Protein backbone atom coordinates (compact mmCIF):
# COMPACT_ATOMS: atom_id res chain seq x y z
CA UNK A 1 0.00 0.00 0.00
CA UNK A 2 1.44 3.43 -0.91
CA UNK A 3 2.65 5.76 1.85
CA UNK A 4 1.76 9.47 1.78
CA UNK A 5 3.37 12.28 3.76
CA UNK A 6 1.31 15.36 4.69
CA UNK A 7 3.25 18.62 5.13
CA UNK A 8 1.76 22.00 6.09
CA UNK A 9 3.40 25.06 4.59
CA UNK A 10 2.52 28.76 4.84
CA UNK A 11 4.10 31.16 2.38
CA UNK A 12 6.99 28.80 1.79
CA UNK A 13 7.65 28.19 5.49
CA UNK A 14 7.21 24.63 6.76
CA UNK A 15 4.94 24.60 9.80
CA UNK A 16 4.51 20.85 10.04
CA UNK A 17 6.66 18.19 8.42
CA UNK A 18 5.30 14.65 8.39
CA UNK A 19 8.20 12.22 8.62
CA UNK A 20 6.05 9.18 9.44
CA UNK A 21 3.39 9.23 6.72
CA UNK A 22 0.22 7.21 6.39
CA UNK A 23 -0.64 4.27 4.16
CA UNK A 24 -3.63 4.62 1.85
CA UNK A 25 -4.74 2.38 -0.99
CA UNK A 26 -4.68 5.19 -3.57
CA UNK A 27 -4.26 8.90 -4.24
CA UNK A 28 -8.01 9.58 -4.05
CA UNK A 29 -8.15 8.25 -0.48
CA UNK A 30 -5.08 10.32 0.46
CA UNK A 31 -6.72 13.41 -1.07
CA UNK A 32 -9.89 12.84 0.95
CA UNK A 33 -7.81 12.57 4.12
CA UNK A 34 -5.94 15.79 3.25
CA UNK A 35 -9.24 17.66 2.85
CA UNK A 36 -10.57 16.31 6.16
CA UNK A 37 -7.29 17.14 7.92
CA UNK A 38 -7.30 20.69 6.56
CA UNK A 39 -10.81 21.19 7.96
CA UNK A 40 -9.76 19.76 11.31
CA UNK A 41 -6.64 21.94 11.51
CA UNK A 42 -8.51 25.21 11.02
CA UNK A 43 -8.65 25.87 14.79
CA UNK A 44 -5.00 24.98 15.27
CA UNK A 45 -3.97 27.94 13.16
CA UNK A 46 -5.37 30.28 15.80
CA UNK A 47 -2.94 28.88 18.36
CA UNK A 48 -0.12 29.22 15.82
CA UNK A 49 -1.10 32.83 15.14
CA UNK A 50 -1.51 32.04 11.43
CA UNK A 51 -4.19 32.65 8.86
CA UNK A 52 -5.06 29.23 7.40
CA UNK A 53 -6.00 30.85 4.08
CA UNK A 54 -2.28 31.46 3.51
CA UNK A 55 -1.39 27.78 3.94
CA UNK A 56 -1.23 24.64 1.84
CA UNK A 57 -1.08 20.95 2.64
CA UNK A 58 1.46 19.32 0.35
CA UNK A 59 1.29 15.56 -0.01
CA UNK A 60 4.34 13.61 -1.11
CA UNK A 61 4.92 9.97 -1.91
CA UNK A 62 7.62 7.78 -0.37
CA UNK A 63 10.11 8.99 -3.00
CA UNK A 64 9.62 12.58 -1.80
CA UNK A 65 7.74 13.61 -4.95
CA UNK A 66 4.82 16.02 -4.67
CA UNK A 67 1.67 14.05 -5.48
CA UNK A 68 -0.78 16.93 -4.96
CA UNK A 69 -1.43 19.94 -2.79
CA UNK A 70 -4.58 21.29 -1.21
CA UNK A 71 -4.91 24.92 -0.18
CA UNK A 72 -6.60 25.56 3.12
CA UNK A 73 -8.42 28.49 1.49
CA UNK A 74 -10.07 26.14 -1.03
CA UNK A 75 -11.08 23.68 1.69
CA UNK A 76 -12.41 26.31 4.08
CA UNK A 77 -14.28 28.12 1.30
CA UNK A 78 -15.92 24.85 0.21
CA UNK A 79 -14.12 24.70 -3.13
CA UNK A 80 -12.09 21.57 -2.33
CA UNK A 81 -14.14 18.61 -1.17
CA UNK A 82 -13.48 14.92 -0.72
CA UNK A 83 -14.03 12.84 -3.85
CA UNK A 84 -17.19 10.80 -3.73
CA UNK A 85 -16.83 7.83 -6.09
CA UNK A 86 -20.57 7.16 -5.85
CA UNK A 87 -21.83 10.59 -6.93
PDB file of N, CA and C in Angstrom:
ATOM      1  N   UNK A   1       0.853  -1.170   0.000  1.00  0.00           N
ATOM      2  CA  UNK A   1       0.000   0.000   0.000  1.00  0.00           C
ATOM      3  C   UNK A   1       0.904   1.240   0.000  1.00  0.00           C
ATOM      4  N   UNK A   2       0.602   2.233  -0.839  1.00  0.00           N
ATOM      5  CA  UNK A   2       1.441   3.433  -0.908  1.00  0.00           C
ATOM      6  C   UNK A   2       1.403   4.257   0.387  1.00  0.00           C
ATOM      7  N   UNK A   3       2.535   4.887   0.673  1.00  0.00           N
ATOM      8  CA  UNK A   3       2.645   5.758   1.852  1.00  0.00           C
ATOM      9  C   UNK A   3       2.638   7.211   1.374  1.00  0.00           C
ATOM     10  N   UNK A   4       1.881   8.050   2.094  1.00  0.00           N
ATOM     11  CA  UNK A   4       1.760   9.466   1.780  1.00  0.00           C
ATOM     12  C   UNK A   4       2.183  10.286   2.992  1.00  0.00           C
ATOM     13  N   UNK A   5       2.871  11.391   2.718  1.00  0.00           N
ATOM     14  CA  UNK A   5       3.367  12.284   3.762  1.00  0.00           C
ATOM     15  C   UNK A   5       2.687  13.637   3.610  1.00  0.00           C
ATOM     16  N   UNK A   6       2.128  14.154   4.699  1.00  0.00           N
ATOM     17  CA  UNK A   6       1.313  15.364   4.688  1.00  0.00           C
ATOM     18  C   UNK A   6       2.078  16.502   5.380  1.00  0.00           C
ATOM     19  N   UNK A   7       2.482  17.495   4.603  1.00  0.00           N
ATOM     20  CA  UNK A   7       3.249  18.621   5.126  1.00  0.00           C
ATOM     21  C   UNK A   7       2.404  19.890   5.055  1.00  0.00           C
ATOM     22  N   UNK A   8       2.488  20.731   6.080  1.00  0.00           N
ATOM     23  CA  UNK A   8       1.762  21.996   6.087  1.00  0.00           C
ATOM     24  C   UNK A   8       2.774  23.116   5.899  1.00  0.00           C
ATOM     25  N   UNK A   9       2.517  23.942   4.879  1.00  0.00           N
ATOM     26  CA  UNK A   9       3.396  25.064   4.586  1.00  0.00           C
ATOM     27  C   UNK A   9       2.567  26.345   4.469  1.00  0.00           C
ATOM     28  N   UNK A  10       3.142  27.437   4.955  1.00  0.00           N
ATOM     29  CA  UNK A  10       2.521  28.759   4.844  1.00  0.00           C
ATOM     30  C   UNK A  10       3.536  29.711   4.238  1.00  0.00           C
ATOM     31  N   UNK A  11       3.211  30.214   3.069  1.00  0.00           N
ATOM     32  CA  UNK A  11       4.096  31.164   2.382  1.00  0.00           C
ATOM     33  C   UNK A  11       5.533  30.649   2.300  1.00  0.00           C
ATOM     34  N   UNK A  12       5.677  29.391   1.961  1.00  0.00           N
ATOM     35  CA  UNK A  12       6.993  28.804   1.792  1.00  0.00           C
ATOM     36  C   UNK A  12       7.651  28.301   3.065  1.00  0.00           C
ATOM     37  N   UNK A  13       7.095  28.628   4.221  1.00  0.00           N
ATOM     38  CA  UNK A  13       7.652  28.189   5.495  1.00  0.00           C
ATOM     39  C   UNK A  13       6.978  26.886   5.916  1.00  0.00           C
ATOM     40  N   UNK A  14       7.766  25.897   6.306  1.00  0.00           N
ATOM     41  CA  UNK A  14       7.209  24.628   6.759  1.00  0.00           C
ATOM     42  C   UNK A  14       6.754  24.766   8.204  1.00  0.00           C
ATOM     43  N   UNK A  15       5.467  24.563   8.442  1.00  0.00           N
ATOM     44  CA  UNK A  15       4.935  24.597   9.801  1.00  0.00           C
ATOM     45  C   UNK A  15       4.871  23.208  10.404  1.00  0.00           C
ATOM     46  N   UNK A  16       4.634  22.225   9.561  1.00  0.00           N
ATOM     47  CA  UNK A  16       4.511  20.853  10.036  1.00  0.00           C
ATOM     48  C   UNK A  16       5.073  19.930   8.968  1.00  0.00           C
ATOM     49  N   UNK A  17       6.055  19.127   9.353  1.00  0.00           N
ATOM     50  CA  UNK A  17       6.664  18.191   8.424  1.00  0.00           C
ATOM     51  C   UNK A  17       6.370  16.783   8.901  1.00  0.00           C
ATOM     52  N   UNK A  18       5.688  16.018   8.058  1.00  0.00           N
ATOM     53  CA  UNK A  18       5.302  14.648   8.391  1.00  0.00           C
ATOM     54  C   UNK A  18       6.431  13.704   7.982  1.00  0.00           C
ATOM     55  N   UNK A  19       7.133  13.162   8.950  1.00  0.00           N
ATOM     56  CA  UNK A  19       8.201  12.224   8.615  1.00  0.00           C
ATOM     57  C   UNK A  19       7.792  10.765   8.824  1.00  0.00           C
ATOM     58  N   UNK A  20       6.538  10.548   9.251  1.00  0.00           N
ATOM     59  CA  UNK A  20       6.047   9.176   9.441  1.00  0.00           C
ATOM     60  C   UNK A  20       5.183   8.713   8.279  1.00  0.00           C
ATOM     61  N   UNK A  21       4.280   9.562   7.827  1.00  0.00           N
ATOM     62  CA  UNK A  21       3.395   9.228   6.722  1.00  0.00           C
ATOM     63  C   UNK A  21       2.282   8.278   7.126  1.00  0.00           C
ATOM     64  N   UNK A  22       1.365   8.116   6.210  1.00  0.00           N
ATOM     65  CA  UNK A  22       0.224   7.213   6.386  1.00  0.00           C
ATOM     66  C   UNK A  22       0.049   6.388   5.123  1.00  0.00           C
ATOM     67  N   UNK A  23      -0.372   5.153   5.296  1.00  0.00           N
ATOM     68  CA  UNK A  23      -0.641   4.267   4.160  1.00  0.00           C
ATOM     69  C   UNK A  23      -2.097   4.394   3.740  1.00  0.00           C
ATOM     70  N   UNK A  24      -2.295   4.586   2.433  1.00  0.00           N
ATOM     71  CA  UNK A  24      -3.632   4.625   1.850  1.00  0.00           C
ATOM     72  C   UNK A  24      -3.608   3.810   0.569  1.00  0.00           C
ATOM     73  N   UNK A  25      -4.737   3.234   0.199  1.00  0.00           N
ATOM     74  CA  UNK A  25      -4.743   2.375  -0.986  1.00  0.00           C
ATOM     75  C   UNK A  25      -4.513   3.124  -2.296  1.00  0.00           C
ATOM     76  N   UNK A  26      -4.825   4.442  -2.322  1.00  0.00           N
ATOM     77  CA  UNK A  26      -4.684   5.186  -3.572  1.00  0.00           C
ATOM     78  C   UNK A  26      -4.638   6.691  -3.296  1.00  0.00           C
ATOM     79  N   UNK A  27      -4.370   7.444  -4.347  1.00  0.00           N
ATOM     80  CA  UNK A  27      -4.263   8.903  -4.241  1.00  0.00           C
ATOM     81  C   UNK A  27      -5.595   9.535  -3.869  1.00  0.00           C
ATOM     82  N   UNK A  28      -6.700   9.014  -4.369  1.00  0.00           N
ATOM     83  CA  UNK A  28      -8.009   9.576  -4.047  1.00  0.00           C
ATOM     84  C   UNK A  28      -8.276   9.503  -2.541  1.00  0.00           C
ATOM     85  N   UNK A  29      -7.954   8.397  -1.924  1.00  0.00           N
ATOM     86  CA  UNK A  29      -8.152   8.248  -0.478  1.00  0.00           C
ATOM     87  C   UNK A  29      -7.248   9.207   0.280  1.00  0.00           C
ATOM     88  N   UNK A  30      -6.008   9.369  -0.174  1.00  0.00           N
ATOM     89  CA  UNK A  30      -5.082  10.320   0.460  1.00  0.00           C
ATOM     90  C   UNK A  30      -5.597  11.744   0.314  1.00  0.00           C
ATOM     91  N   UNK A  31      -6.151  12.073  -0.853  1.00  0.00           N
ATOM     92  CA  UNK A  31      -6.720  13.414  -1.068  1.00  0.00           C
ATOM     93  C   UNK A  31      -7.879  13.656  -0.108  1.00  0.00           C
ATOM     94  N   UNK A  32      -8.752  12.692   0.037  1.00  0.00           N
ATOM     95  CA  UNK A  32      -9.886  12.843   0.948  1.00  0.00           C
ATOM     96  C   UNK A  32      -9.406  13.072   2.381  1.00  0.00           C
ATOM     97  N   UNK A  33      -8.359  12.379   2.777  1.00  0.00           N
ATOM     98  CA  UNK A  33      -7.807  12.567   4.117  1.00  0.00           C
ATOM     99  C   UNK A  33      -7.191  13.958   4.260  1.00  0.00           C
ATOM    100  N   UNK A  34      -6.538  14.447   3.215  1.00  0.00           N
ATOM    101  CA  UNK A  34      -5.942  15.788   3.251  1.00  0.00           C
ATOM    102  C   UNK A  34      -7.023  16.854   3.420  1.00  0.00           C
ATOM    103  N   UNK A  35      -8.137  16.704   2.728  1.00  0.00           N
ATOM    104  CA  UNK A  35      -9.241  17.665   2.854  1.00  0.00           C
ATOM    105  C   UNK A  35      -9.817  17.626   4.261  1.00  0.00           C
ATOM    106  N   UNK A  36     -10.039  16.431   4.782  1.00  0.00           N
ATOM    107  CA  UNK A  36     -10.565  16.310   6.157  1.00  0.00           C
ATOM    108  C   UNK A  36      -9.587  16.893   7.171  1.00  0.00           C
ATOM    109  N   UNK A  37      -8.304  16.622   6.999  1.00  0.00           N
ATOM    110  CA  UNK A  37      -7.295  17.135   7.924  1.00  0.00           C
ATOM    111  C   UNK A  37      -7.228  18.654   7.866  1.00  0.00           C
ATOM    112  N   UNK A  38      -7.329  19.226   6.685  1.00  0.00           N
ATOM    113  CA  UNK A  38      -7.304  20.688   6.561  1.00  0.00           C
ATOM    114  C   UNK A  38      -8.474  21.305   7.312  1.00  0.00           C
ATOM    115  N   UNK A  39      -9.640  20.700   7.199  1.00  0.00           N
ATOM    116  CA  UNK A  39     -10.807  21.194   7.961  1.00  0.00           C
ATOM    117  C   UNK A  39     -10.551  21.103   9.459  1.00  0.00           C
ATOM    118  N   UNK A  40     -10.006  19.982   9.883  1.00  0.00           N
ATOM    119  CA  UNK A  40      -9.759  19.763  11.310  1.00  0.00           C
ATOM    120  C   UNK A  40      -8.695  20.697  11.870  1.00  0.00           C
ATOM    121  N   UNK A  41      -7.744  21.092  11.042  1.00  0.00           N
ATOM    122  CA  UNK A  41      -6.636  21.936  11.505  1.00  0.00           C
ATOM    123  C   UNK A  41      -6.980  23.421  11.558  1.00  0.00           C
ATOM    124  N   UNK A  42      -8.131  23.795  11.062  1.00  0.00           N
ATOM    125  CA  UNK A  42      -8.512  25.209  11.023  1.00  0.00           C
ATOM    126  C   UNK A  42      -8.311  25.887  12.379  1.00  0.00           C
ATOM    127  N   UNK A  43      -8.779  25.283  13.453  1.00  0.00           N
ATOM    128  CA  UNK A  43      -8.654  25.869  14.788  1.00  0.00           C
ATOM    129  C   UNK A  43      -7.228  25.916  15.298  1.00  0.00           C
ATOM    130  N   UNK A  44      -6.393  25.015  14.828  1.00  0.00           N
ATOM    131  CA  UNK A  44      -5.003  24.975  15.266  1.00  0.00           C
ATOM    132  C   UNK A  44      -4.257  26.230  14.811  1.00  0.00           C
ATOM    133  N   UNK A  45      -4.642  26.752  13.674  1.00  0.00           N
ATOM    134  CA  UNK A  45      -3.971  27.944  13.160  1.00  0.00           C
ATOM    135  C   UNK A  45      -4.111  29.129  14.107  1.00  0.00           C
ATOM    136  N   UNK A  46      -5.197  29.204  14.838  1.00  0.00           N
ATOM    137  CA  UNK A  46      -5.375  30.281  15.805  1.00  0.00           C
ATOM    138  C   UNK A  46      -4.274  30.218  16.858  1.00  0.00           C
ATOM    139  N   UNK A  47      -3.994  29.019  17.343  1.00  0.00           N
ATOM    140  CA  UNK A  47      -2.940  28.875  18.360  1.00  0.00           C
ATOM    141  C   UNK A  47      -1.557  29.156  17.775  1.00  0.00           C
ATOM    142  N   UNK A  48      -1.386  28.929  16.484  1.00  0.00           N
ATOM    143  CA  UNK A  48      -0.118  29.216  15.820  1.00  0.00           C
ATOM    144  C   UNK A  48       0.008  30.690  15.452  1.00  0.00           C
ATOM    145  N   UNK A  49      -1.103  31.429  15.551  1.00  0.00           N
ATOM    146  CA  UNK A  49      -1.099  32.826  15.136  1.00  0.00           C
ATOM    147  C   UNK A  49      -0.999  32.979  13.630  1.00  0.00           C
ATOM    148  N   UNK A  50      -1.578  32.055  12.904  1.00  0.00           N
ATOM    149  CA  UNK A  50      -1.509  32.036  11.433  1.00  0.00           C
ATOM    150  C   UNK A  50      -2.902  32.115  10.833  1.00  0.00           C
ATOM    151  N   UNK A  51      -2.961  32.654   9.643  1.00  0.00           N
ATOM    152  CA  UNK A  51      -4.185  32.652   8.860  1.00  0.00           C
ATOM    153  C   UNK A  51      -4.165  31.402   7.988  1.00  0.00           C
ATOM    154  N   UNK A  52      -5.102  30.477   8.188  1.00  0.00           N
ATOM    155  CA  UNK A  52      -5.064  29.234   7.399  1.00  0.00           C
ATOM    156  C   UNK A  52      -5.220  29.462   5.898  1.00  0.00           C
ATOM    157  N   UNK A  53      -5.816  30.578   5.505  1.00  0.00           N
ATOM    158  CA  UNK A  53      -6.004  30.848   4.082  1.00  0.00           C
ATOM    159  C   UNK A  53      -4.678  31.067   3.354  1.00  0.00           C
ATOM    160  N   UNK A  54      -3.612  31.276   4.100  1.00  0.00           N
ATOM    161  CA  UNK A  54      -2.285  31.462   3.510  1.00  0.00           C
ATOM    162  C   UNK A  54      -1.505  30.152   3.426  1.00  0.00           C
ATOM    163  N   UNK A  55      -2.134  29.043   3.794  1.00  0.00           N
ATOM    164  CA  UNK A  55      -1.390  27.784   3.936  1.00  0.00           C
ATOM    165  C   UNK A  55      -1.861  26.719   2.949  1.00  0.00           C
ATOM    166  N   UNK A  56      -0.988  25.751   2.767  1.00  0.00           N
ATOM    167  CA  UNK A  56      -1.229  24.639   1.844  1.00  0.00           C
ATOM    168  C   UNK A  56      -0.790  23.338   2.504  1.00  0.00           C
ATOM    169  N   UNK A  57      -1.527  22.275   2.235  1.00  0.00           N
ATOM    170  CA  UNK A  57      -1.083  20.947   2.636  1.00  0.00           C
ATOM    171  C   UNK A  57      -0.495  20.294   1.388  1.00  0.00           C
ATOM    172  N   UNK A  58       0.779  19.980   1.458  1.00  0.00           N
ATOM    173  CA  UNK A  58       1.463  19.322   0.349  1.00  0.00           C
ATOM    174  C   UNK A  58       1.629  17.858   0.683  1.00  0.00           C
ATOM    175  N   UNK A  59       1.246  17.007  -0.240  1.00  0.00           N
ATOM    176  CA  UNK A  59       1.285  15.559  -0.014  1.00  0.00           C
ATOM    177  C   UNK A  59       2.315  14.947  -0.957  1.00  0.00           C
ATOM    178  N   UNK A  60       3.266  14.251  -0.354  1.00  0.00           N
ATOM    179  CA  UNK A  60       4.345  13.611  -1.113  1.00  0.00           C
ATOM    180  C   UNK A  60       4.242  12.095  -1.003  1.00  0.00           C
ATOM    181  N   UNK A  61       4.834  11.422  -1.969  1.00  0.00           N
ATOM    182  CA  UNK A  61       4.918   9.965  -1.910  1.00  0.00           C
ATOM    183  C   UNK A  61       6.209   9.561  -1.192  1.00  0.00           C
ATOM    184  N   UNK A  62       6.454   8.284  -1.100  1.00  0.00           N
ATOM    185  CA  UNK A  62       7.624   7.779  -0.366  1.00  0.00           C
ATOM    186  C   UNK A  62       8.945   8.194  -1.020  1.00  0.00           C
ATOM    187  N   UNK A  63       8.904   8.541  -2.304  1.00  0.00           N
ATOM    188  CA  UNK A  63      10.107   8.989  -3.001  1.00  0.00           C
ATOM    189  C   UNK A  63      10.358  10.483  -2.800  1.00  0.00           C
ATOM    190  N   UNK A  64       9.471  11.150  -2.050  1.00  0.00           N
ATOM    191  CA  UNK A  64       9.621  12.584  -1.804  1.00  0.00           C
ATOM    192  C   UNK A  64       9.092  13.452  -2.925  1.00  0.00           C
ATOM    193  N   UNK A  65       8.315  12.863  -3.828  1.00  0.00           N
ATOM    194  CA  UNK A  65       7.741  13.610  -4.952  1.00  0.00           C
ATOM    195  C   UNK A  65       6.379  14.166  -4.555  1.00  0.00           C
ATOM    196  N   UNK A  66       6.116  15.408  -4.940  1.00  0.00           N
ATOM    197  CA  UNK A  66       4.820  16.018  -4.673  1.00  0.00           C
ATOM    198  C   UNK A  66       3.757  15.296  -5.495  1.00  0.00           C
ATOM    199  N   UNK A  67       2.762  14.751  -4.805  1.00  0.00           N
ATOM    200  CA  UNK A  67       1.667  14.047  -5.482  1.00  0.00           C
ATOM    201  C   UNK A  67       0.546  15.036  -5.775  1.00  0.00           C
ATOM    202  N   UNK A  68       0.208  15.868  -4.788  1.00  0.00           N
ATOM    203  CA  UNK A  68      -0.782  16.926  -4.960  1.00  0.00           C
ATOM    204  C   UNK A  68      -0.683  17.872  -3.777  1.00  0.00           C
ATOM    205  N   UNK A  69      -1.337  19.004  -3.901  1.00  0.00           N
ATOM    206  CA  UNK A  69      -1.429  19.937  -2.791  1.00  0.00           C
ATOM    207  C   UNK A  69      -2.866  20.421  -2.691  1.00  0.00           C
ATOM    208  N   UNK A  70      -3.238  20.798  -1.486  1.00  0.00           N
ATOM    209  CA  UNK A  70      -4.585  21.294  -1.207  1.00  0.00           C
ATOM    210  C   UNK A  70      -4.421  22.589  -0.427  1.00  0.00           C
ATOM    211  N   UNK A  71      -4.994  23.668  -0.931  1.00  0.00           N
ATOM    212  CA  UNK A  71      -4.914  24.918  -0.181  1.00  0.00           C
ATOM    213  C   UNK A  71      -5.990  24.925   0.895  1.00  0.00           C
ATOM    214  N   UNK A  72      -5.626  25.440   2.041  1.00  0.00           N
ATOM    215  CA  UNK A  72      -6.600  25.556   3.123  1.00  0.00           C
ATOM    216  C   UNK A  72      -7.717  26.502   2.721  1.00  0.00           C
ATOM    217  N   UNK A  73      -7.395  27.540   1.945  1.00  0.00           N
ATOM    218  CA  UNK A  73      -8.418  28.486   1.494  1.00  0.00           C
ATOM    219  C   UNK A  73      -9.497  27.761   0.695  1.00  0.00           C
ATOM    220  N   UNK A  74      -9.094  26.879  -0.218  1.00  0.00           N
ATOM    221  CA  UNK A  74     -10.068  26.142  -1.030  1.00  0.00           C
ATOM    222  C   UNK A  74     -10.931  25.231  -0.168  1.00  0.00           C
ATOM    223  N   UNK A  75     -10.323  24.581   0.807  1.00  0.00           N
ATOM    224  CA  UNK A  75     -11.078  23.682   1.691  1.00  0.00           C
ATOM    225  C   UNK A  75     -12.059  24.487   2.546  1.00  0.00           C
ATOM    226  N   UNK A  76     -11.575  25.546   3.163  1.00  0.00           N
ATOM    227  CA  UNK A  76     -12.410  26.309   4.084  1.00  0.00           C
ATOM    228  C   UNK A  76     -13.484  27.119   3.365  1.00  0.00           C
ATOM    229  N   UNK A  77     -13.269  27.421   2.084  1.00  0.00           N
ATOM    230  CA  UNK A  77     -14.283  28.122   1.297  1.00  0.00           C
ATOM    231  C   UNK A  77     -15.225  27.157   0.583  1.00  0.00           C
ATOM    232  N   UNK A  78     -15.043  25.860   0.801  1.00  0.00           N
ATOM    233  CA  UNK A  78     -15.924  24.851   0.209  1.00  0.00           C
ATOM    234  C   UNK A  78     -15.602  24.515  -1.244  1.00  0.00           C
ATOM    235  N   UNK A  79     -14.473  24.969  -1.735  1.00  0.00           N
ATOM    236  CA  UNK A  79     -14.116  24.704  -3.130  1.00  0.00           C
ATOM    237  C   UNK A  79     -13.420  23.355  -3.310  1.00  0.00           C
ATOM    238  N   UNK A  80     -12.750  22.875  -2.281  1.00  0.00           N
ATOM    239  CA  UNK A  80     -12.090  21.565  -2.325  1.00  0.00           C
ATOM    240  C   UNK A  80     -12.851  20.639  -1.389  1.00  0.00           C
ATOM    241  N   UNK A  81     -13.358  19.576  -1.952  1.00  0.00           N
ATOM    242  CA  UNK A  81     -14.144  18.614  -1.167  1.00  0.00           C
ATOM    243  C   UNK A  81     -13.605  17.216  -1.405  1.00  0.00           C
ATOM    244  N   UNK A  82     -13.884  16.319  -0.474  1.00  0.00           N
ATOM    245  CA  UNK A  82     -13.477  14.922  -0.718  1.00  0.00           C
ATOM    246  C   UNK A  82     -14.148  14.375  -1.980  1.00  0.00           C
ATOM    247  N   UNK A  83     -13.449  13.511  -2.699  1.00  0.00           N
ATOM    248  CA  UNK A  83     -14.028  12.841  -3.853  1.00  0.00           C
ATOM    249  C   UNK A  83     -15.057  11.835  -3.376  1.00  0.00           C
ATOM    250  N   UNK A  84     -16.168  11.794  -4.037  1.00  0.00           N
ATOM    251  CA  UNK A  84     -17.192  10.796  -3.729  1.00  0.00           C
ATOM    252  C   UNK A  84     -17.329   9.905  -4.962  1.00  0.00           C
ATOM    253  N   UNK A  85     -16.776   8.689  -4.915  1.00  0.00           N
ATOM    254  CA  UNK A  85     -16.825   7.830  -6.092  1.00  0.00           C
ATOM    255  C   UNK A  85     -18.240   7.384  -6.469  1.00  0.00           C
ATOM    256  N   UNK A  86     -19.193   7.610  -5.584  1.00  0.00           N
ATOM    257  CA  UNK A  86     -20.567   7.164  -5.848  1.00  0.00           C
ATOM    258  C   UNK A  86     -21.478   8.280  -6.304  1.00  0.00           C
ATOM    259  N   UNK A  87     -20.941   9.496  -6.490  1.00  0.00           N
ATOM    260  CA  UNK A  87     -21.829  10.590  -6.928  1.00  0.00           C
ATOM    261  C   UNK A  87     -21.709  10.827  -8.402  1.00  0.00           C
TER     262      UNK A  87
END
